Amino acid sequence: MKTKSLLLASVVALFGAMIVVPSVRADDEPAAKPQHEKKIGPRILKKYDKNGDGVLDEQEKAAWEADKAKHREERKAKKEAGGAPASDKTPDAEPQK
């Protein structure tokens, strides 16, 4: 009987540890870490970084997004018209690093 009680207590303790430890570790991670921050390539920075600080500010990002939307619409219109797809030399075709 002692062996069964000891085994049961061990199993309960093991399952309890499996539940508690991950939740405690999740609290240790920094909350300010961005989940999916997109890296911006040098070609995009060269074209849109007007103040030359190496980072796109909100206005520069807005200009980049507007160009991407414009190129998307052009490709969509060309596709609907039955033409060949536009080249991949658009701002949103930046290779991921």
N, C-alpha and C. Protein backbone atom coordinates (compact mmCIF):
# COMPACT_ATOMS: atom_id res chain seq x y z
N MET A 1 0.82 -1.19 0.00
CA MET A 1 0.00 0.00 0.00
C MET A 1 0.87 1.26 0.00
N LYS A 2 1.97 1.22 0.74
CA LYS A 2 2.87 2.37 0.79
C LYS A 2 3.44 2.67 -0.60
N THR A 3 3.74 1.63 -1.34
CA THR A 3 4.32 1.80 -2.67
C THR A 3 3.32 2.46 -3.61
N LYS A 4 2.06 2.05 -3.54
CA LYS A 4 1.03 2.64 -4.38
C LYS A 4 0.81 4.11 -4.04
N SER A 5 0.81 4.43 -2.76
CA SER A 5 0.63 5.82 -2.33
C SER A 5 1.81 6.68 -2.79
N LEU A 6 3.02 6.14 -2.67
CA LEU A 6 4.21 6.87 -3.09
C LEU A 6 4.20 7.07 -4.61
N LEU A 7 3.81 6.05 -5.35
CA LEU A 7 3.72 6.15 -6.80
C LEU A 7 2.67 7.18 -7.22
N LEU A 8 1.50 7.14 -6.57
CA LEU A 8 0.43 8.09 -6.86
C LEU A 8 0.88 9.52 -6.55
N ALA A 9 1.55 9.72 -5.44
CA ALA A 9 2.03 11.05 -5.06
C ALA A 9 3.07 11.56 -6.06
N SER A 10 3.93 10.66 -6.54
CA SER A 10 4.95 11.04 -7.52
C SER A 10 4.31 11.46 -8.85
N VAL A 11 3.31 10.69 -9.27
CA VAL A 11 2.63 11.00 -10.53
C VAL A 11 1.91 12.34 -10.42
N VAL A 12 1.23 12.58 -9.32
CA VAL A 12 0.52 13.85 -9.11
C VAL A 12 1.52 15.01 -9.09
N ALA A 13 2.64 14.84 -8.42
CA ALA A 13 3.66 15.89 -8.36
C ALA A 13 4.24 16.17 -9.74
N LEU A 14 4.46 15.11 -10.52
CA LEU A 14 5.01 15.28 -11.87
C LEU A 14 4.05 16.07 -12.76
N PHE A 15 2.78 15.70 -12.75
CA PHE A 15 1.79 16.41 -13.56
C PHE A 15 1.63 17.86 -13.08
N GLY A 16 1.67 18.07 -11.79
CA GLY A 16 1.58 19.42 -11.25
C GLY A 16 2.74 20.28 -11.72
N ALA A 17 3.94 19.70 -11.74
CA ALA A 17 5.13 20.43 -12.20
C ALA A 17 5.02 20.74 -13.69
N MET A 18 4.45 19.82 -14.45
CA MET A 18 4.30 20.05 -15.89
C MET A 18 3.34 21.20 -16.18
N ILE A 19 2.41 21.44 -15.29
CA ILE A 19 1.45 22.52 -15.48
C ILE A 19 1.99 23.85 -14.97
N VAL A 20 2.64 23.84 -13.82
CA VAL A 20 3.08 25.08 -13.17
C VAL A 20 4.32 25.67 -13.83
N VAL A 21 5.31 24.88 -14.16
CA VAL A 21 6.59 25.39 -14.67
C VAL A 21 6.42 26.19 -15.97
N PRO A 22 5.70 25.70 -16.99
CA PRO A 22 5.56 26.52 -18.21
C PRO A 22 4.87 27.86 -17.97
N SER A 23 3.90 27.89 -17.09
CA SER A 23 3.22 29.16 -16.84
C SER A 23 4.13 30.15 -16.11
N VAL A 24 5.00 29.67 -15.25
CA VAL A 24 5.94 30.54 -14.56
C VAL A 24 6.99 31.05 -15.55
N ARG A 25 7.47 30.19 -16.44
CA ARG A 25 8.47 30.59 -17.42
C ARG A 25 7.90 31.62 -18.40
N ALA A 26 6.63 31.53 -18.72
CA ALA A 26 6.01 32.48 -19.64
C ALA A 26 6.03 33.89 -19.06
N ASP A 27 5.96 34.01 -17.75
CA ASP A 27 6.00 35.32 -17.11
C ASP A 27 7.38 35.95 -17.15
N ASP A 28 8.43 35.14 -17.33
CA ASP A 28 9.80 35.64 -17.34
C ASP A 28 10.17 36.33 -18.65
N GLU A 29 9.45 36.07 -19.75
CA GLU A 29 9.79 36.64 -21.04
C GLU A 29 9.40 38.12 -21.10
N PRO A 30 10.20 38.92 -21.77
CA PRO A 30 9.87 40.36 -21.86
C PRO A 30 8.60 40.59 -22.68
N ALA A 31 7.77 41.49 -22.21
CA ALA A 31 6.49 41.76 -22.86
C ALA A 31 6.64 42.70 -24.06
N ALA A 32 7.71 43.47 -24.13
CA ALA A 32 7.87 44.47 -25.17
C ALA A 32 8.48 43.91 -26.46
N LYS A 33 8.81 42.62 -26.49
CA LYS A 33 9.43 42.03 -27.67
C LYS A 33 8.41 41.93 -28.80
N PRO A 34 8.67 42.54 -29.95
CA PRO A 34 7.72 42.46 -31.06
C PRO A 34 7.67 41.03 -31.61
N GLN A 35 6.49 40.58 -31.98
CA GLN A 35 6.31 39.22 -32.45
C GLN A 35 6.84 39.02 -33.86
N HIS A 36 6.42 39.85 -34.80
CA HIS A 36 6.80 39.65 -36.20
C HIS A 36 7.27 40.96 -36.81
N GLU A 37 8.42 41.39 -36.40
CA GLU A 37 8.94 42.63 -36.97
C GLU A 37 9.65 42.29 -38.27
N LYS A 38 9.21 42.92 -39.33
CA LYS A 38 9.75 42.65 -40.65
C LYS A 38 11.06 43.41 -40.82
N LYS A 39 12.08 42.71 -41.30
CA LYS A 39 13.35 43.38 -41.57
C LYS A 39 13.25 44.08 -42.91
N ILE A 40 13.81 45.28 -42.95
CA ILE A 40 13.75 46.08 -44.16
C ILE A 40 15.14 46.05 -44.80
N GLY A 41 15.16 45.67 -46.07
CA GLY A 41 16.42 45.51 -46.79
C GLY A 41 17.06 46.84 -47.17
N PRO A 42 18.32 46.78 -47.55
CA PRO A 42 19.06 48.00 -47.89
C PRO A 42 18.49 48.73 -49.11
N ARG A 43 17.93 47.99 -50.05
CA ARG A 43 17.36 48.64 -51.24
C ARG A 43 16.16 49.50 -50.87
N ILE A 44 15.33 48.99 -49.97
CA ILE A 44 14.15 49.74 -49.51
C ILE A 44 14.60 50.93 -48.69
N LEU A 45 15.57 50.73 -47.80
CA LEU A 45 16.08 51.86 -47.00
C LEU A 45 16.64 52.96 -47.89
N LYS A 46 17.40 52.57 -48.91
CA LYS A 46 18.00 53.57 -49.80
C LYS A 46 16.93 54.40 -50.50
N LYS A 47 15.84 53.74 -50.89
CA LYS A 47 14.80 54.44 -51.64
C LYS A 47 13.90 55.28 -50.75
N TYR A 48 13.55 54.79 -49.56
CA TYR A 48 12.52 55.45 -48.74
C TYR A 48 13.03 56.17 -47.50
N ASP A 49 14.26 55.92 -47.07
CA ASP A 49 14.80 56.56 -45.86
C ASP A 49 15.30 57.96 -46.22
N LYS A 50 14.39 58.92 -46.20
CA LYS A 50 14.71 60.28 -46.64
C LYS A 50 15.63 61.03 -45.68
N ASN A 51 15.53 60.77 -44.37
CA ASN A 51 16.37 61.49 -43.42
C ASN A 51 17.70 60.78 -43.17
N GLY A 52 17.91 59.59 -43.75
CA GLY A 52 19.20 58.91 -43.69
C GLY A 52 19.59 58.36 -42.33
N ASP A 53 18.61 58.11 -41.45
CA ASP A 53 18.96 57.60 -40.12
C ASP A 53 19.01 56.07 -40.06
N GLY A 54 18.74 55.39 -41.17
CA GLY A 54 18.82 53.94 -41.21
C GLY A 54 17.57 53.23 -40.73
N VAL A 55 16.54 53.99 -40.39
CA VAL A 55 15.27 53.44 -39.91
C VAL A 55 14.14 54.19 -40.61
N LEU A 56 13.11 53.45 -41.02
CA LEU A 56 11.96 54.11 -41.63
C LEU A 56 11.03 54.64 -40.55
N ASP A 57 10.78 55.95 -40.56
CA ASP A 57 9.81 56.51 -39.63
C ASP A 57 8.40 56.32 -40.21
N GLU A 58 7.40 56.83 -39.53
CA GLU A 58 6.01 56.59 -39.94
C GLU A 58 5.71 57.15 -41.34
N GLN A 59 6.20 58.33 -41.65
CA GLN A 59 5.96 58.91 -42.97
C GLN A 59 6.64 58.09 -44.07
N GLU A 60 7.86 57.64 -43.81
CA GLU A 60 8.60 56.86 -44.79
C GLU A 60 7.93 55.49 -45.00
N LYS A 61 7.46 54.90 -43.90
CA LYS A 61 6.74 53.63 -44.02
C LYS A 61 5.44 53.81 -44.81
N ALA A 62 4.77 54.92 -44.57
CA ALA A 62 3.52 55.19 -45.29
C ALA A 62 3.78 55.31 -46.79
N ALA A 63 4.88 55.98 -47.17
CA ALA A 63 5.23 56.10 -48.59
C ALA A 63 5.53 54.73 -49.19
N TRP A 64 6.24 53.89 -48.44
CA TRP A 64 6.56 52.54 -48.90
C TRP A 64 5.28 51.72 -49.08
N GLU A 65 4.40 51.78 -48.07
CA GLU A 65 3.13 51.04 -48.15
C GLU A 65 2.28 51.53 -49.31
N ALA A 66 2.27 52.85 -49.56
CA ALA A 66 1.49 53.38 -50.67
C ALA A 66 2.03 52.87 -52.01
N ASP A 67 3.35 52.82 -52.15
CA ASP A 67 3.94 52.29 -53.38
C ASP A 67 3.63 50.81 -53.54
N LYS A 68 3.68 50.06 -52.44
CA LYS A 68 3.34 48.64 -52.52
C LYS A 68 1.90 48.45 -52.97
N ALA A 69 0.99 49.24 -52.40
CA ALA A 69 -0.42 49.13 -52.77
C ALA A 69 -0.63 49.49 -54.24
N LYS A 70 0.07 50.52 -54.70
CA LYS A 70 -0.03 50.94 -56.10
C LYS A 70 0.44 49.82 -57.03
N HIS A 71 1.57 49.21 -56.70
CA HIS A 71 2.10 48.13 -57.53
C HIS A 71 1.18 46.90 -57.49
N ARG A 72 0.59 46.63 -56.34
CA ARG A 72 -0.36 45.51 -56.25
C ARG A 72 -1.56 45.74 -57.15
N GLU A 73 -2.09 46.96 -57.12
CA GLU A 73 -3.23 47.29 -57.97
C GLU A 73 -2.88 47.19 -59.45
N GLU A 74 -1.69 47.65 -59.81
CA GLU A 74 -1.24 47.55 -61.20
C GLU A 74 -1.15 46.10 -61.64
N ARG A 75 -0.58 45.25 -60.79
CA ARG A 75 -0.48 43.82 -61.12
C ARG A 75 -1.86 43.19 -61.23
N LYS A 76 -2.75 43.56 -60.32
CA LYS A 76 -4.10 43.01 -60.34
C LYS A 76 -4.83 43.42 -61.62
N ALA A 77 -4.72 44.69 -61.99
CA ALA A 77 -5.37 45.18 -63.21
C ALA A 77 -4.80 44.50 -64.44
N LYS A 78 -3.49 44.32 -64.46
CA LYS A 78 -2.86 43.68 -65.60
C LYS A 78 -3.28 42.21 -65.69
N LYS A 79 -3.39 41.55 -64.55
CA LYS A 79 -3.80 40.15 -64.52
C LYS A 79 -5.24 40.01 -65.00
N GLU A 80 -6.10 40.91 -64.55
CA GLU A 80 -7.50 40.88 -64.96
C GLU A 80 -7.66 41.20 -66.44
N ALA A 81 -6.75 41.99 -66.98
CA ALA A 81 -6.80 42.33 -68.40
C ALA A 81 -6.23 41.21 -69.27
N GLY A 82 -5.65 40.20 -68.64
CA GLY A 82 -5.12 39.07 -69.38
C GLY A 82 -3.67 39.20 -69.78
N GLY A 83 -3.00 40.19 -69.26
CA GLY A 83 -1.59 40.40 -69.58
C GLY A 83 -0.70 39.53 -68.72
N ALA A 84 0.57 39.55 -69.01
CA ALA A 84 1.55 38.82 -68.23
C ALA A 84 1.71 39.50 -66.88
N PRO A 85 2.04 38.74 -65.83
CA PRO A 85 2.24 39.36 -64.51
C PRO A 85 3.40 40.35 -64.53
N ALA A 86 3.28 41.36 -63.69
CA ALA A 86 4.32 42.38 -63.60
C ALA A 86 5.60 41.76 -63.07
N SER A 87 6.70 42.42 -63.31
CA SER A 87 7.98 41.90 -62.83
C SER A 87 8.04 41.96 -61.31
N ASP A 88 8.98 41.26 -60.74
CA ASP A 88 9.14 41.21 -59.30
C ASP A 88 10.04 42.34 -58.79
N LYS A 89 10.20 43.38 -59.53
CA LYS A 89 11.03 44.51 -59.13
C LYS A 89 10.20 45.58 -58.40
N THR A 90 9.23 45.12 -57.62
CA THR A 90 8.37 46.05 -56.88
C THR A 90 8.84 46.14 -55.44
N PRO A 91 8.43 47.17 -54.71
CA PRO A 91 8.88 47.34 -53.33
C PRO A 91 8.50 46.18 -52.42
N ASP A 92 7.41 45.48 -52.69
CA ASP A 92 7.01 44.39 -51.80
C ASP A 92 7.67 43.07 -52.15
N ALA A 93 8.57 43.06 -53.13
CA ALA A 93 9.26 41.83 -53.50
C ALA A 93 10.64 41.76 -52.86
N GLU A 94 10.88 42.50 -51.79
CA GLU A 94 12.16 42.50 -51.08
C GLU A 94 12.40 41.11 -50.48
N PRO A 95 13.55 40.48 -50.73
CA PRO A 95 13.83 39.17 -50.18
C PRO A 95 13.98 39.23 -48.66
N GLN A 96 13.48 38.23 -47.99
CA GLN A 96 13.58 38.16 -46.53
C GLN A 96 14.95 37.67 -46.14
N LYS A 97 15.52 38.26 -45.09
CA LYS A 97 16.85 37.85 -44.62
C LYS A 97 16.73 37.23 -43.26
